[in-house]
Amino acid sequence: RKVRKLFRDLAREGMTIFLTTHELSTAEAVCDRIGIIHHGSVTALGSVEELGQQIRVPGSHLEEIFLRLTIESEGEGKELFDSSSAEESPKSKVQSPKKKQG
């Protein structure tokens, strides 16, 4: 909460703050303008209100905007929610370190 307030106060004083986050609620609460990066490219830029208008759902929250502009708009992401087509995840390939003998 304190960090959010600090960012807002600094922005009000005219400072530009470049914040990168995966926490969409933080971005929505703190940022005046938001850029959405998908596959390494900026796919959308604007205020939450402007982005909501871009997806034709004014009043949307950033999470809905993000999903519509990335996963839903490309038909991607189905496999993320469909366990029957899930491949082995990178985490499942991580092995525990072997204990030293001796």
N, C-alpha and C. Protein backbone atom coordinates (compact mmCIF):
# COMPACT_ATOMS: atom_id res chain seq x y z
N ARG A 1 0.83 -1.19 0.00
CA ARG A 1 0.00 0.00 0.00
C ARG A 1 0.88 1.25 0.00
N LYS A 2 1.93 1.22 0.78
CA LYS A 2 2.82 2.39 0.86
C LYS A 2 3.53 2.65 -0.46
N VAL A 3 3.92 1.58 -1.12
CA VAL A 3 4.61 1.73 -2.41
C VAL A 3 3.66 2.31 -3.45
N ARG A 4 2.42 1.83 -3.47
CA ARG A 4 1.43 2.37 -4.40
C ARG A 4 1.24 3.87 -4.17
N LYS A 5 1.13 4.26 -2.90
CA LYS A 5 0.96 5.68 -2.57
C LYS A 5 2.18 6.48 -3.01
N LEU A 6 3.36 5.95 -2.77
CA LEU A 6 4.58 6.64 -3.18
C LEU A 6 4.60 6.85 -4.70
N PHE A 7 4.26 5.81 -5.46
CA PHE A 7 4.21 5.94 -6.93
C PHE A 7 3.22 7.02 -7.36
N ARG A 8 2.03 6.99 -6.77
CA ARG A 8 1.00 7.98 -7.14
C ARG A 8 1.47 9.39 -6.79
N ASP A 9 2.08 9.57 -5.61
CA ASP A 9 2.57 10.89 -5.19
C ASP A 9 3.66 11.39 -6.14
N LEU A 10 4.60 10.52 -6.49
CA LEU A 10 5.67 10.92 -7.41
C LEU A 10 5.12 11.27 -8.79
N ALA A 11 4.16 10.49 -9.27
CA ALA A 11 3.55 10.76 -10.58
C ALA A 11 2.81 12.09 -10.54
N ARG A 12 2.14 12.38 -9.45
CA ARG A 12 1.42 13.65 -9.30
C ARG A 12 2.39 14.84 -9.35
N GLU A 13 3.62 14.60 -8.89
CA GLU A 13 4.65 15.65 -8.91
C GLU A 13 5.30 15.78 -10.29
N GLY A 14 4.90 14.94 -11.23
CA GLY A 14 5.41 15.05 -12.59
C GLY A 14 6.47 14.03 -12.96
N MET A 15 6.81 13.13 -12.06
CA MET A 15 7.82 12.12 -12.34
C MET A 15 7.21 10.99 -13.16
N THR A 16 7.97 10.50 -14.13
CA THR A 16 7.56 9.34 -14.91
C THR A 16 8.10 8.10 -14.22
N ILE A 17 7.25 7.13 -14.03
CA ILE A 17 7.66 5.87 -13.40
C ILE A 17 7.36 4.76 -14.37
N PHE A 18 8.38 3.99 -14.70
CA PHE A 18 8.21 2.84 -15.59
C PHE A 18 8.17 1.60 -14.71
N LEU A 19 7.03 0.97 -14.63
CA LEU A 19 6.80 -0.17 -13.76
C LEU A 19 6.49 -1.40 -14.60
N THR A 20 7.20 -2.47 -14.36
CA THR A 20 6.86 -3.73 -15.01
C THR A 20 6.34 -4.67 -13.93
N THR A 21 5.24 -5.33 -14.23
CA THR A 21 4.63 -6.24 -13.26
C THR A 21 3.73 -7.23 -13.95
N HIS A 22 3.59 -8.37 -13.32
CA HIS A 22 2.60 -9.36 -13.75
C HIS A 22 1.34 -9.24 -12.90
N GLU A 23 1.38 -8.39 -11.90
CA GLU A 23 0.24 -8.18 -11.02
C GLU A 23 -0.68 -7.14 -11.64
N LEU A 24 -1.70 -7.60 -12.33
CA LEU A 24 -2.58 -6.69 -13.06
C LEU A 24 -3.33 -5.74 -12.13
N SER A 25 -3.68 -6.21 -10.94
CA SER A 25 -4.38 -5.34 -9.99
C SER A 25 -3.48 -4.19 -9.55
N THR A 26 -2.19 -4.44 -9.40
CA THR A 26 -1.24 -3.37 -9.05
C THR A 26 -1.15 -2.37 -10.18
N ALA A 27 -1.00 -2.86 -11.40
CA ALA A 27 -0.91 -1.97 -12.55
C ALA A 27 -2.17 -1.12 -12.68
N GLU A 28 -3.32 -1.73 -12.49
CA GLU A 28 -4.58 -1.00 -12.61
C GLU A 28 -4.71 0.07 -11.53
N ALA A 29 -4.24 -0.23 -10.33
CA ALA A 29 -4.36 0.72 -9.21
C ALA A 29 -3.36 1.86 -9.29
N VAL A 30 -2.21 1.62 -9.90
CA VAL A 30 -1.12 2.59 -9.84
C VAL A 30 -0.92 3.37 -11.14
N CYS A 31 -1.13 2.73 -12.27
CA CYS A 31 -0.71 3.31 -13.55
C CYS A 31 -1.79 4.13 -14.24
N ASP A 32 -1.34 5.24 -14.84
CA ASP A 32 -2.23 6.06 -15.66
C ASP A 32 -2.32 5.50 -17.08
N ARG A 33 -1.19 4.98 -17.56
CA ARG A 33 -1.13 4.37 -18.89
C ARG A 33 -0.54 2.98 -18.74
N ILE A 34 -1.06 2.07 -19.54
CA ILE A 34 -0.63 0.67 -19.44
C ILE A 34 -0.28 0.18 -20.83
N GLY A 35 0.84 -0.51 -20.92
CA GLY A 35 1.23 -1.18 -22.15
C GLY A 35 1.14 -2.67 -21.93
N ILE A 36 0.51 -3.37 -22.85
CA ILE A 36 0.42 -4.82 -22.75
C ILE A 36 1.36 -5.42 -23.78
N ILE A 37 2.28 -6.24 -23.29
CA ILE A 37 3.27 -6.88 -24.15
C ILE A 37 2.87 -8.33 -24.32
N HIS A 38 2.81 -8.76 -25.59
CA HIS A 38 2.42 -10.14 -25.90
C HIS A 38 3.35 -10.64 -26.99
N HIS A 39 3.98 -11.77 -26.77
CA HIS A 39 4.95 -12.34 -27.71
C HIS A 39 6.04 -11.33 -28.07
N GLY A 40 6.48 -10.55 -27.08
CA GLY A 40 7.59 -9.63 -27.27
C GLY A 40 7.26 -8.31 -27.93
N SER A 41 5.99 -8.06 -28.21
CA SER A 41 5.60 -6.81 -28.85
C SER A 41 4.51 -6.12 -28.03
N VAL A 42 4.54 -4.79 -28.05
CA VAL A 42 3.48 -4.03 -27.40
C VAL A 42 2.24 -4.15 -28.26
N THR A 43 1.20 -4.77 -27.71
CA THR A 43 -0.02 -4.98 -28.47
C THR A 43 -1.11 -3.98 -28.13
N ALA A 44 -0.95 -3.28 -27.01
CA ALA A 44 -1.94 -2.28 -26.61
C ALA A 44 -1.27 -1.27 -25.69
N LEU A 45 -1.73 -0.01 -25.77
CA LEU A 45 -1.17 1.04 -24.94
C LEU A 45 -2.25 2.07 -24.69
N GLY A 46 -2.44 2.42 -23.43
CA GLY A 46 -3.42 3.44 -23.09
C GLY A 46 -3.86 3.30 -21.65
N SER A 47 -4.83 4.11 -21.28
CA SER A 47 -5.41 4.00 -19.94
C SER A 47 -6.30 2.76 -19.89
N VAL A 48 -6.67 2.34 -18.69
CA VAL A 48 -7.57 1.20 -18.57
C VAL A 48 -8.87 1.48 -19.32
N GLU A 49 -9.36 2.72 -19.22
CA GLU A 49 -10.59 3.09 -19.93
C GLU A 49 -10.42 2.97 -21.44
N GLU A 50 -9.30 3.47 -21.96
CA GLU A 50 -9.04 3.39 -23.40
C GLU A 50 -8.91 1.94 -23.87
N LEU A 51 -8.23 1.13 -23.08
CA LEU A 51 -8.08 -0.28 -23.44
C LEU A 51 -9.42 -1.00 -23.41
N GLY A 52 -10.27 -0.65 -22.45
CA GLY A 52 -11.61 -1.23 -22.39
C GLY A 52 -12.42 -0.88 -23.63
N GLN A 53 -12.27 0.35 -24.11
CA GLN A 53 -12.97 0.76 -25.33
C GLN A 53 -12.41 0.01 -26.54
N GLN A 54 -11.09 -0.23 -26.52
CA GLN A 54 -10.45 -0.94 -27.63
C GLN A 54 -11.02 -2.35 -27.79
N ILE A 55 -11.33 -3.01 -26.68
CA ILE A 55 -11.90 -4.36 -26.77
C ILE A 55 -13.43 -4.31 -26.82
N ARG A 56 -13.96 -3.11 -26.88
CA ARG A 56 -15.41 -2.87 -26.97
C ARG A 56 -16.17 -3.34 -25.72
N VAL A 57 -15.50 -3.22 -24.57
CA VAL A 57 -16.14 -3.53 -23.29
C VAL A 57 -15.75 -2.43 -22.31
N PRO A 58 -16.35 -1.22 -22.48
CA PRO A 58 -16.03 -0.12 -21.56
C PRO A 58 -16.32 -0.52 -20.12
N GLY A 59 -15.49 -0.03 -19.21
CA GLY A 59 -15.67 -0.34 -17.80
C GLY A 59 -15.01 -1.64 -17.38
N SER A 60 -14.27 -2.27 -18.28
CA SER A 60 -13.60 -3.53 -17.96
C SER A 60 -12.45 -3.32 -16.98
N HIS A 61 -12.16 -4.37 -16.25
CA HIS A 61 -10.96 -4.37 -15.42
C HIS A 61 -9.80 -4.86 -16.27
N LEU A 62 -8.58 -4.56 -15.82
CA LEU A 62 -7.39 -4.87 -16.60
C LEU A 62 -7.24 -6.36 -16.89
N GLU A 63 -7.64 -7.22 -15.96
CA GLU A 63 -7.51 -8.65 -16.20
C GLU A 63 -8.34 -9.09 -17.41
N GLU A 64 -9.58 -8.63 -17.50
CA GLU A 64 -10.42 -8.98 -18.64
C GLU A 64 -9.82 -8.43 -19.94
N ILE A 65 -9.33 -7.20 -19.88
CA ILE A 65 -8.71 -6.59 -21.05
C ILE A 65 -7.52 -7.42 -21.51
N PHE A 66 -6.65 -7.76 -20.56
CA PHE A 66 -5.46 -8.55 -20.88
C PHE A 66 -5.83 -9.88 -21.53
N LEU A 67 -6.79 -10.58 -20.94
CA LEU A 67 -7.18 -11.88 -21.48
C LEU A 67 -7.75 -11.75 -22.89
N ARG A 68 -8.58 -10.76 -23.11
CA ARG A 68 -9.17 -10.59 -24.44
C ARG A 68 -8.12 -10.21 -25.48
N LEU A 69 -7.14 -9.42 -25.09
CA LEU A 69 -6.12 -8.98 -26.04
C LEU A 69 -5.05 -10.03 -26.30
N THR A 70 -4.92 -10.99 -25.43
CA THR A 70 -3.86 -11.98 -25.60
C THR A 70 -4.44 -13.36 -25.86
N ILE A 71 -4.88 -14.04 -24.86
CA ILE A 71 -5.32 -15.43 -24.99
C ILE A 71 -6.54 -15.57 -25.89
N GLU A 72 -7.62 -14.87 -25.57
CA GLU A 72 -8.88 -15.07 -26.30
C GLU A 72 -8.81 -14.58 -27.73
N SER A 73 -8.09 -13.49 -27.99
CA SER A 73 -8.07 -12.93 -29.33
C SER A 73 -7.33 -13.82 -30.32
N GLU A 74 -6.43 -14.66 -29.83
CA GLU A 74 -5.67 -15.52 -30.73
C GLU A 74 -6.13 -16.96 -30.69
N GLY A 75 -7.11 -17.24 -29.83
CA GLY A 75 -7.54 -18.62 -29.70
C GLY A 75 -6.53 -19.47 -28.95
N GLU A 76 -5.55 -18.80 -28.34
CA GLU A 76 -4.53 -19.51 -27.58
C GLU A 76 -5.02 -19.71 -26.16
N GLY A 77 -4.31 -20.51 -25.45
CA GLY A 77 -4.57 -20.64 -24.04
C GLY A 77 -5.51 -21.76 -23.67
N LYS A 78 -6.23 -22.32 -24.65
CA LYS A 78 -7.13 -23.42 -24.33
C LYS A 78 -6.38 -24.54 -23.65
N GLU A 79 -5.17 -24.80 -24.15
CA GLU A 79 -4.39 -25.89 -23.58
C GLU A 79 -3.99 -25.63 -22.13
N LEU A 80 -4.01 -24.36 -21.73
CA LEU A 80 -3.67 -24.05 -20.35
C LEU A 80 -4.75 -24.54 -19.39
N PHE A 81 -5.97 -24.65 -19.88
CA PHE A 81 -7.08 -25.02 -19.03
C PHE A 81 -7.60 -26.42 -19.33
N ASP A 82 -7.06 -27.07 -20.34
CA ASP A 82 -7.53 -28.40 -20.75
C ASP A 82 -6.48 -29.42 -20.32
N SER A 83 -6.73 -30.13 -19.25
CA SER A 83 -5.74 -31.07 -18.71
C SER A 83 -5.48 -32.24 -19.63
N SER A 84 -6.42 -32.55 -20.53
CA SER A 84 -6.22 -33.69 -21.42
C SER A 84 -5.14 -33.42 -22.45
N SER A 85 -4.87 -32.14 -22.75
CA SER A 85 -3.84 -31.83 -23.74
C SER A 85 -2.60 -31.22 -23.11
N ALA A 86 -2.54 -31.22 -21.80
CA ALA A 86 -1.40 -30.60 -21.12
C ALA A 86 -0.15 -31.42 -21.37
N GLU A 87 0.91 -30.69 -21.73
CA GLU A 87 2.21 -31.33 -21.89
C GLU A 87 2.95 -31.25 -20.57
N GLU A 88 4.05 -31.97 -20.49
CA GLU A 88 4.86 -31.93 -19.29
C GLU A 88 5.38 -30.51 -19.09
N SER A 89 5.16 -29.96 -17.93
CA SER A 89 5.58 -28.59 -17.68
C SER A 89 7.07 -28.55 -17.35
N PRO A 90 7.74 -27.41 -17.58
CA PRO A 90 9.15 -27.30 -17.25
C PRO A 90 9.42 -27.59 -15.77
N LYS A 91 8.49 -27.25 -14.90
CA LYS A 91 8.70 -27.49 -13.48
C LYS A 91 8.80 -28.98 -13.18
N SER A 92 8.07 -29.79 -13.95
CA SER A 92 8.09 -31.22 -13.67
C SER A 92 9.42 -31.85 -14.09
N LYS A 93 10.22 -31.14 -14.87
CA LYS A 93 11.51 -31.65 -15.31
C LYS A 93 12.63 -31.32 -14.33
N VAL A 94 12.36 -30.44 -13.39
CA VAL A 94 13.38 -30.05 -12.43
C VAL A 94 13.62 -31.21 -11.47
N GLN A 95 14.87 -31.57 -11.29
CA GLN A 95 15.20 -32.67 -10.40
C GLN A 95 15.81 -32.12 -9.12
N SER A 96 15.57 -32.80 -8.04
CA SER A 96 16.18 -32.41 -6.77
C SER A 96 17.67 -32.69 -6.84
N PRO A 97 18.48 -31.83 -6.21
CA PRO A 97 19.92 -32.07 -6.22
C PRO A 97 20.24 -33.38 -5.50
N LYS A 98 21.20 -34.11 -6.03
CA LYS A 98 21.58 -35.36 -5.40
C LYS A 98 22.43 -35.08 -4.18
N LYS A 99 22.21 -35.88 -3.15
CA LYS A 99 22.98 -35.71 -1.94
C LYS A 99 24.38 -36.25 -2.16
N LYS A 100 25.34 -35.54 -1.62
CA LYS A 100 26.74 -36.00 -1.71
C LYS A 100 26.92 -37.18 -0.80
N GLN A 101 27.61 -38.17 -1.34
CA GLN A 101 27.89 -39.35 -0.53
C GLN A 101 29.27 -39.21 0.09
N GLY A 102 29.39 -39.67 1.29
CA GLY A 102 30.69 -39.74 1.90
C GLY A 102 30.94 -38.79 2.94
